[in-house]
């Protein structure tokens, strides 16, 4: 798995139509995720800077677990050789009574870049690079992870905290079979209104060493039984108006459906409006549509603004459900990497009468280019990666890595949809 990668023309077409590429290159969240992975894999890199459009990433090895330091009877964060900095650059080992109880890591951004963009980049590594330890309180079991990321929880054109907690993680747990991933919202981070940096903690149980993700199938959605409504606005009056209008519009389309309101929260700024609708089906699938309002908000026309917010999100969810698939447009691209890594044939029904999003097409293309699994529609036969394989270091693996590097030298990985 020590595959070197050269990525060129990064986000090359991003920007206004009149000036494509004006806002291309790596942004803060892309950079933070890539830097963390570089430290975790001891990678050498070129072009790992803000706005860089060309990146070379060469992982050399997976760092071994830290060795035991005995003699402590209370909780301590300690490092090998007693240094004040983690030897592998990403993990801090936490001991209680000489037993390793968890590993922690902290990724910090000074701006509200998307926390969940970072997470989606590093989560497969965290899940599959797990190792057990004789120092652990539960030997032969994966060591629990506490990851903290500072950045944006509600960011334009990115997964929100609400979507992750109500769609992404429930689907990964119940439908993909990934173990415990729990979130703790320390504070919100916004890209709209006054820019604020937030923080989210993730408690992750990696896949048990030597195990993998079993084949899964997303078919037979079932009927919509509930709709969850999450509202963020700065006044009680605005939230009440949204709640009443959402209820009216949903009941007009879906009679006798149960409507729940898991989030009704003060956004603490008049320019921050957010609405998420999640349809939960009788077979346990969840599909969501949302909008972090990004148009001009005028105080004297607030009711018109709120009506537009509600009408758009309700219509988007209605259109999403009409396709009949088991995943929404955004979940479809999040699931691609897990299809590729699973054991055996997976199937994800994305619905009829529509093509996969550019994000999904790009994710599939990258996987086919680098690791071999082929996608035919929503079908894929995964490689069956076992947890711990990433840290395997033997002569065969090194030879394979050297052969891959020789083949890829000079190869520029450039997506046709960038």
Protein backbone atom coordinates (compact mmCIF):
# COMPACT_ATOMS: atom_id res chain seq x y z
CA UNK A 1 0.00 0.00 0.00
CA UNK A 2 3.07 2.25 -0.26
CA UNK A 3 1.94 3.78 -3.55
CA UNK A 4 3.47 7.13 -4.58
CA UNK A 5 1.06 9.59 -6.15
CA UNK A 6 1.54 12.65 -8.32
CA UNK A 7 -1.54 14.87 -8.63
CA UNK A 8 -1.54 17.74 -11.08
CA UNK A 9 -3.92 20.56 -11.99
CA UNK A 10 -5.53 20.39 -8.55
CA UNK A 11 -9.01 21.93 -8.62
CA UNK A 12 -7.95 23.40 -11.94
CA UNK A 13 -11.40 24.44 -13.10
CA UNK A 14 -12.61 26.02 -9.86
CA UNK A 15 -13.71 29.63 -10.12
CA UNK A 16 -16.19 31.77 -12.04
CA UNK A 17 -16.98 30.77 -15.62
CA UNK A 18 -15.22 33.88 -16.86
CA UNK A 19 -12.03 32.95 -14.97
CA UNK A 20 -11.88 29.17 -14.51
CA UNK A 21 -9.13 28.08 -12.18
CA UNK A 22 -9.00 31.42 -10.33
CA UNK A 23 -9.64 29.77 -6.95
CA UNK A 24 -7.98 26.44 -7.73
CA UNK A 25 -5.27 24.61 -5.83
CA UNK A 26 -5.17 23.26 -2.30
CA UNK A 27 -7.29 24.99 0.34
CA UNK A 28 -6.69 24.89 4.09
CA UNK A 29 -8.75 21.74 4.71
CA UNK A 30 -7.11 19.84 1.83
CA UNK A 31 -3.71 20.89 3.15
CA UNK A 32 -4.45 19.90 6.75
CA UNK A 33 -5.63 16.43 5.73
CA UNK A 34 -2.66 15.82 3.44
CA UNK A 35 -0.18 17.06 6.05
CA UNK A 36 -1.63 14.72 8.67
CA UNK A 37 -1.42 11.73 6.32
CA UNK A 38 2.14 12.69 5.37
CA UNK A 39 3.20 12.63 9.02
CA UNK A 40 1.27 9.41 9.70
CA UNK A 41 2.91 7.55 6.79
CA UNK A 42 6.31 9.27 6.98
CA UNK A 43 5.72 10.50 3.44
CA UNK A 44 7.98 12.80 1.52
CA UNK A 45 6.04 15.47 -0.32
CA UNK A 46 6.47 18.19 -2.90
CA UNK A 47 3.96 21.01 -3.34
CA UNK A 48 2.25 20.63 0.02
CA UNK A 49 1.30 24.30 0.35
CA UNK A 50 -1.80 26.47 0.15
CA UNK A 51 -2.96 27.07 -3.45
CA UNK A 52 -0.55 24.45 -4.79
CA UNK A 53 -1.81 22.85 -8.00
CA UNK A 54 0.80 20.11 -8.12
CA UNK A 55 1.40 17.58 -5.34
CA UNK A 56 3.75 14.60 -5.06
CA UNK A 57 3.06 12.27 -2.13
CA UNK A 58 5.43 9.36 -1.45
CA UNK A 59 4.61 7.33 1.69
CA UNK A 60 7.63 5.39 2.93
CA UNK A 61 6.29 3.36 5.84
CA UNK A 62 3.61 3.14 8.49
CA UNK A 63 4.98 4.21 11.85
CA UNK A 64 5.12 1.46 14.50
CA UNK A 65 3.20 1.77 17.77
CA UNK A 66 4.94 3.63 20.58
CA UNK A 67 6.73 1.47 23.13
CA UNK A 68 5.57 1.08 26.70
CA UNK A 69 6.82 3.28 29.50
CA UNK A 70 5.89 1.85 32.88
CA UNK A 71 5.58 3.28 36.33
CA UNK A 72 2.53 5.50 35.93
CA UNK A 73 -0.60 4.89 38.01
CA UNK A 74 -2.75 7.79 36.78
CA UNK A 75 -3.70 9.00 33.33
CA UNK A 76 -0.76 10.56 31.48
CA UNK A 77 0.00 11.55 27.93
CA UNK A 78 3.52 10.28 27.34
CA UNK A 79 5.87 9.75 24.42
CA UNK A 80 8.71 7.43 23.62
CA UNK A 81 12.05 8.62 25.07
CA UNK A 82 10.15 11.14 27.20
CA UNK A 83 10.03 13.75 24.43
CA UNK A 84 7.40 16.46 24.42
CA UNK A 85 6.50 15.74 20.83
CA UNK A 86 5.00 12.55 19.44
CA UNK A 87 7.67 10.55 17.56
CA UNK A 88 5.31 9.76 14.69
CA UNK A 89 3.93 13.28 14.45
CA UNK A 90 0.23 12.40 14.80
CA UNK A 91 -0.49 10.16 17.82
CA UNK A 92 -0.24 10.68 21.54
CA UNK A 93 -0.48 7.53 23.65
CA UNK A 94 -2.65 7.82 26.77
CA UNK A 95 -2.00 5.40 29.63
CA UNK A 96 -3.94 4.57 32.78
CA UNK A 97 -2.17 2.44 35.38
CA UNK A 98 0.50 1.47 32.84
CA UNK A 99 -2.09 0.33 30.32
CA UNK A 100 -2.55 1.98 26.95
CA UNK A 101 -6.21 3.05 26.87
CA UNK A 102 -6.38 5.25 23.76
CA UNK A 103 -4.48 7.25 21.18
CA UNK A 104 -5.24 10.89 20.53
CA UNK A 105 -4.53 13.28 17.69
CA UNK A 106 -5.37 16.94 17.09
CA UNK A 107 -5.65 18.72 13.74
CA UNK A 108 -6.02 22.47 13.98
CA UNK A 109 -6.93 25.05 11.36
CA UNK A 110 -6.95 28.78 11.99
CA UNK A 111 -9.84 29.28 9.53
CA UNK A 112 -13.23 27.51 9.26
CA UNK A 113 -12.20 25.05 6.57
CA UNK A 114 -14.40 21.97 6.45
CA UNK A 115 -13.75 19.56 9.33
CA UNK A 116 -15.52 16.79 7.46
CA UNK A 117 -13.44 17.20 4.31
CA UNK A 118 -10.41 16.43 6.47
CA UNK A 119 -12.15 13.50 8.14
CA UNK A 120 -13.20 11.86 4.87
CA UNK A 121 -9.57 12.04 3.69
CA UNK A 122 -8.05 10.36 6.75
CA UNK A 123 -10.84 8.08 8.05
CA UNK A 124 -9.95 5.04 5.87
CA UNK A 125 -6.36 5.24 7.10
CA UNK A 126 -7.47 5.46 10.74
CA UNK A 127 -9.84 2.52 10.35
CA UNK A 128 -7.44 0.19 8.52
CA UNK A 129 -4.04 1.04 10.00
CA UNK A 130 -5.16 -0.14 13.44
CA UNK A 131 -2.88 -2.22 15.60
CA UNK A 132 -3.32 -4.00 18.89
CA UNK A 133 -0.77 -3.81 21.66
CA UNK A 134 0.31 -5.94 24.60
CA UNK A 135 0.35 -2.64 26.52
CA UNK A 136 -3.35 -2.13 25.85
CA UNK A 137 -6.00 -2.57 28.51
CA UNK A 138 -7.63 -5.01 26.05
CA UNK A 139 -4.81 -6.86 24.20
CA UNK A 140 -5.58 -8.10 20.65
CA UNK A 141 -8.32 -5.49 20.32
CA UNK A 142 -7.95 -2.27 18.31
CA UNK A 143 -6.77 0.71 20.31
CA UNK A 144 -9.51 3.38 20.58
CA UNK A 145 -8.85 6.70 18.88
CA UNK A 146 -9.81 10.22 19.99
CA UNK A 147 -9.39 12.63 17.07
CA UNK A 148 -10.07 16.35 17.48
CA UNK A 149 -10.34 18.65 14.46
CA UNK A 150 -10.62 22.43 14.64
CA UNK A 151 -12.26 24.13 11.66
CA UNK A 152 -15.72 24.57 10.16
CA UNK A 153 -18.80 22.56 11.09
CA UNK A 154 -21.15 24.51 8.82
CA UNK A 155 -19.33 25.50 5.64
CA UNK A 156 -20.56 26.34 2.15
CA UNK A 157 -20.65 23.35 -0.23
CA UNK A 158 -19.36 20.91 2.42
CA UNK A 159 -20.81 18.23 4.66
CA UNK A 160 -22.24 19.73 7.83
CA UNK A 161 -22.05 18.44 11.38
CA UNK A 162 -25.78 17.68 11.19
CA UNK A 163 -25.45 15.67 7.95
CA UNK A 164 -22.52 13.68 9.36
CA UNK A 165 -24.35 12.87 12.59
CA UNK A 166 -27.72 12.05 11.00
CA UNK A 167 -26.77 10.49 7.64
CA UNK A 168 -23.09 9.67 7.14
CA UNK A 169 -22.22 7.94 10.41
CA UNK A 170 -25.54 6.13 10.91
CA UNK A 171 -25.20 4.68 7.39
CA UNK A 172 -21.55 3.67 7.93
CA UNK A 173 -22.45 1.94 11.20
CA UNK A 174 -25.70 0.20 10.26
CA UNK A 175 -25.23 -0.47 6.54
CA UNK A 176 -21.46 -0.77 5.99
CA UNK A 177 -20.69 -2.41 9.31
CA UNK A 178 -18.02 0.01 10.45
CA UNK A 179 -17.79 0.03 14.23
CA UNK A 180 -18.24 2.84 16.66
CA UNK A 181 -17.74 6.41 15.43
CA UNK A 182 -19.12 8.97 17.86
CA UNK A 183 -18.95 12.75 17.63
CA UNK A 184 -18.74 15.46 20.26
CA UNK A 185 -19.53 19.01 19.15
CA UNK A 186 -17.28 21.27 21.21
CA UNK A 187 -18.23 24.43 19.33
CA UNK A 188 -19.59 25.36 15.92
CA UNK A 189 -17.44 26.78 13.16
CA UNK A 190 -19.08 28.90 10.45
CA UNK A 191 -18.00 30.18 7.06
CA UNK A 192 -20.94 32.58 6.89
CA UNK A 193 -21.79 35.60 9.00
CA UNK A 194 -18.79 36.16 11.25
CA UNK A 195 -16.21 33.51 10.42
CA UNK A 196 -15.76 31.31 13.49
CA UNK A 197 -13.48 28.31 14.00
CA UNK A 198 -15.22 25.38 15.64
CA UNK A 199 -14.09 22.05 17.03
CA UNK A 200 -15.38 18.47 16.87
CA UNK A 201 -14.11 15.41 18.71
CA UNK A 202 -14.38 11.94 17.16
CA UNK A 203 -14.20 8.73 19.18
CA UNK A 204 -13.32 6.03 16.67
CA UNK A 205 -12.91 2.30 17.16
CA UNK A 206 -10.72 1.05 14.29
CA UNK A 207 -11.36 -2.25 12.54
CA UNK A 208 -9.95 -5.17 14.50
CA UNK A 209 -6.48 -6.20 13.22
CA UNK A 210 -6.74 -8.96 10.63
CA UNK A 211 -10.40 -8.21 9.91
CA UNK A 212 -12.03 -6.34 7.06
CA UNK A 213 -15.31 -4.83 5.89
CA UNK A 214 -17.70 -7.51 4.68
CA UNK A 215 -19.49 -7.12 1.37
CA UNK A 216 -22.60 -4.95 1.67
CA UNK A 217 -25.61 -4.19 -0.44
CA UNK A 218 -27.67 -1.01 -0.53
CA UNK A 219 -30.87 -2.19 -2.22
CA UNK A 220 -34.59 -2.24 -1.40
CA UNK A 221 -34.90 1.20 0.19
CA UNK A 222 -38.34 0.60 1.65
CA UNK A 223 -40.85 3.38 2.23
CA UNK A 224 -40.15 6.73 3.90
CA UNK A 225 -41.34 6.49 7.50
CA UNK A 226 -39.85 9.59 9.14
CA UNK A 227 -38.41 12.96 8.21
CA UNK A 228 -35.92 14.61 10.57
CA UNK A 229 -35.75 18.41 10.42
CA UNK A 230 -32.72 20.37 11.69
CA UNK A 231 -32.95 24.15 11.88
CA UNK A 232 -30.26 26.72 12.64
CA UNK A 233 -31.31 30.39 12.68
CA UNK A 234 -30.61 33.32 14.96
CA UNK A 235 -34.10 34.07 16.30
CA UNK A 236 -36.87 32.01 17.82
CA UNK A 237 -39.32 33.67 15.43
CA UNK A 238 -37.30 32.62 12.37
CA UNK A 239 -36.97 29.04 13.60
CA UNK A 240 -40.69 28.86 14.37
CA UNK A 241 -41.55 30.13 10.89
CA UNK A 242 -39.25 27.52 9.31
CA UNK A 243 -40.66 24.74 11.50
CA UNK A 244 -44.26 25.59 10.63
CA UNK A 245 -43.59 25.99 6.91
CA UNK A 246 -41.53 22.78 6.70
CA UNK A 247 -44.29 20.87 8.46
CA UNK A 248 -46.92 22.25 6.10
CA UNK A 249 -44.92 21.48 2.95
CA UNK A 250 -43.95 17.98 4.09
CA UNK A 251 -47.49 17.03 5.07
CA UNK A 252 -48.73 18.23 1.70
CA UNK A 253 -46.39 15.74 0.00
CA UNK A 254 -46.23 12.88 2.51
CA UNK A 255 -49.45 12.40 4.46
CA UNK A 256 -49.30 10.71 7.87
CA UNK A 257 -45.50 10.74 8.00
CA UNK A 258 -43.73 11.25 11.33
CA UNK A 259 -41.80 14.54 11.53
CA UNK A 260 -39.03 14.93 14.11
CA UNK A 261 -36.99 18.01 15.04
CA UNK A 262 -33.61 16.83 16.41
CA UNK A 263 -31.97 20.26 16.07
CA UNK A 264 -33.59 23.66 16.72
CA UNK A 265 -30.71 25.96 17.59
CA UNK A 266 -29.67 29.60 17.72
CA UNK A 267 -27.07 30.22 15.00
CA UNK A 268 -25.95 33.40 16.80
CA UNK A 269 -25.80 35.53 13.64
CA UNK A 270 -28.48 36.94 11.35
CA UNK A 271 -26.56 35.80 8.24
CA UNK A 272 -26.47 32.17 9.34
CA UNK A 273 -29.41 30.12 8.09
CA UNK A 274 -29.21 26.36 7.73
CA UNK A 275 -31.81 23.65 7.11
CA UNK A 276 -31.34 19.89 6.81
CA UNK A 277 -34.07 17.37 5.99
CA UNK A 278 -33.32 13.66 6.45
CA UNK A 279 -35.70 10.99 5.17
CA UNK A 280 -35.48 7.75 7.17
CA UNK A 281 -36.90 4.65 5.51
CA UNK A 282 -38.53 1.48 6.83
CA UNK A 283 -35.38 -0.47 5.91
CA UNK A 284 -33.04 1.84 7.78
CA UNK A 285 -31.63 3.97 4.96
CA UNK A 286 -31.18 7.72 5.38
CA UNK A 287 -31.15 10.32 2.62
CA UNK A 288 -30.58 14.01 3.25
CA UNK A 289 -30.75 17.37 1.53
CA UNK A 290 -29.67 20.65 3.07
CA UNK A 291 -28.76 24.24 2.38
CA UNK A 292 -26.49 26.63 4.20
CA UNK A 293 -28.10 29.75 2.79
CA UNK A 294 -25.61 31.59 0.57
CA UNK A 295 -27.72 34.35 -0.95
CA UNK A 296 -28.28 37.90 0.24
CA UNK A 297 -30.35 38.12 3.41
CA UNK A 298 -32.34 41.32 3.84
CA UNK A 299 -33.91 42.07 7.20
CA UNK A 300 -37.04 43.62 5.68
CA UNK A 301 -37.54 40.59 3.42
CA UNK A 302 -36.64 37.85 5.89
CA UNK A 303 -39.92 36.00 5.49
CA UNK A 304 -39.30 35.73 1.74
CA UNK A 305 -35.78 34.43 2.46
CA UNK A 306 -37.05 31.79 4.88
CA UNK A 307 -39.72 30.69 2.41
CA UNK A 308 -37.08 30.25 -0.29
CA UNK A 309 -34.86 28.26 2.08
CA UNK A 310 -37.64 25.86 3.05
CA UNK A 311 -39.12 25.47 -0.43
CA UNK A 312 -35.75 24.66 -2.00
CA UNK A 313 -34.70 22.05 0.56
CA UNK A 314 -38.13 20.35 0.58
CA UNK A 315 -38.12 20.23 -3.23
CA UNK A 316 -34.53 18.92 -3.30
CA UNK A 317 -35.47 16.10 -0.93
CA UNK A 318 -38.57 15.32 -2.96
CA UNK A 319 -36.48 15.08 -6.14
CA UNK A 320 -33.88 12.95 -4.32
CA UNK A 321 -36.50 10.48 -3.14
CA UNK A 322 -38.14 10.32 -6.57
CA UNK A 323 -35.04 8.57 -7.96
CA UNK A 324 -35.76 5.60 -5.70
CA UNK A 325 -32.17 5.02 -4.60
CA UNK A 326 -30.83 4.02 -1.20
CA UNK A 327 -28.32 6.89 -0.97
CA UNK A 328 -28.48 10.57 -1.70
CA UNK A 329 -26.12 12.35 -4.08
CA UNK A 330 -23.64 13.18 -1.32
CA UNK A 331 -23.59 9.82 0.45
CA UNK A 332 -22.99 8.09 -2.87
CA UNK A 333 -19.50 9.52 -3.23
CA UNK A 334 -18.68 9.02 0.48
CA UNK A 335 -19.30 5.29 0.16
CA UNK A 336 -17.05 4.68 -2.87
CA UNK A 337 -13.82 4.09 -0.94
CA UNK A 338 -15.50 1.56 1.36
CA UNK A 339 -16.85 -0.35 -1.64
CA UNK A 340 -13.31 -0.61 -2.98
CA UNK A 341 -11.85 -1.81 0.32
CA UNK A 342 -14.61 -4.27 1.26
CA UNK A 343 -14.35 -8.04 0.86
CA UNK A 344 -16.25 -9.17 -2.22
CA UNK A 345 -19.04 -7.69 -4.28
CA UNK A 346 -20.84 -4.58 -3.08
CA UNK A 347 -23.83 -2.87 -4.61
CA UNK A 348 -25.14 0.65 -3.99
CA UNK A 349 -28.42 1.62 -5.61
CA UNK A 350 -28.09 5.31 -6.41
CA UNK A 351 -31.47 5.53 -8.11
CA UNK A 352 -32.75 5.63 -11.65
CA UNK A 353 -32.85 8.31 -14.32
CA UNK A 354 -29.72 10.09 -13.17
CA UNK A 355 -25.97 9.78 -13.54
CA UNK A 356 -23.52 9.74 -10.66
CA UNK A 357 -22.25 13.12 -9.48
CA UNK A 358 -18.85 14.38 -10.63
CA UNK A 359 -17.52 13.73 -7.11
CA UNK A 360 -18.63 10.09 -7.34
CA UNK A 361 -17.25 9.68 -10.86
CA UNK A 362 -13.91 11.16 -9.78
CA UNK A 363 -13.66 8.97 -6.67
CA UNK A 364 -14.33 5.85 -8.74
CA UNK A 365 -11.82 6.92 -11.39
CA UNK A 366 -9.06 7.51 -8.82
CA UNK A 367 -9.66 4.11 -7.20
CA UNK A 368 -9.67 2.30 -10.55
CA UNK A 369 -6.45 4.10 -11.51
CA UNK A 370 -4.57 3.33 -8.31
CA UNK A 371 -5.84 0.09 -6.80
CA UNK A 372 -7.64 -1.93 -9.44
CA UNK A 373 -11.30 -2.44 -8.43
CA UNK A 374 -13.68 -1.62 -11.27
CA UNK A 375 -17.05 0.04 -10.90
CA UNK A 376 -19.98 -0.91 -13.11
CA UNK A 377 -22.73 1.45 -12.11
CA UNK A 378 -23.07 1.02 -8.36
CA UNK A 379 -21.41 -2.42 -8.38
CA UNK A 380 -17.82 -3.09 -7.30
CA UNK A 381 -15.76 -6.11 -6.28
CA UNK A 382 -13.56 -4.87 -3.44
CA UNK A 383 -10.00 -5.90 -2.60
CA UNK A 384 -10.81 -7.14 0.92
CA UNK A 385 -8.15 -5.07 2.67
CA UNK A 386 -7.48 -6.33 6.19
CA UNK A 387 -6.85 -3.93 9.03
CA UNK A 388 -3.15 -3.82 9.76
CA UNK A 389 -2.15 -4.54 6.15
CA UNK A 390 -1.04 -0.91 5.82
CA UNK A 391 1.72 -1.48 8.35
CA UNK A 392 2.92 -4.74 6.80
CA UNK A 393 6.60 -4.42 5.93
CA UNK A 394 8.26 -7.29 4.12
CA UNK A 395 10.48 -7.87 1.13
CA UNK A 396 7.57 -8.68 -1.17
CA UNK A 397 5.70 -5.54 -0.20
CA UNK A 398 8.76 -3.38 -0.67
CA UNK A 399 9.41 -4.91 -4.06
CA UNK A 400 5.82 -4.24 -5.10
CA UNK A 401 6.06 -0.66 -3.91
CA UNK A 402 9.29 -0.12 -5.84
CA UNK A 403 7.71 -1.61 -8.98
CA UNK A 404 4.64 0.61 -8.63
CA UNK A 405 6.81 3.67 -8.10
CA UNK A 406 8.80 2.87 -11.22
CA UNK A 407 5.60 2.53 -13.24
CA UNK A 408 4.14 5.74 -11.86
CA UNK A 409 7.25 7.85 -12.26
CA UNK A 410 6.26 10.62 -14.56
CA UNK A 411 2.57 9.64 -14.41
CA UNK A 412 0.38 12.59 -13.55
CA UNK A 413 -2.88 11.63 -11.86
CA UNK A 414 -5.29 14.14 -13.38
CA UNK A 415 -9.00 13.63 -13.10
CA UNK A 416 -11.06 14.19 -16.23
CA UNK A 417 -13.62 15.98 -14.06
CA UNK A 418 -11.28 18.29 -12.15
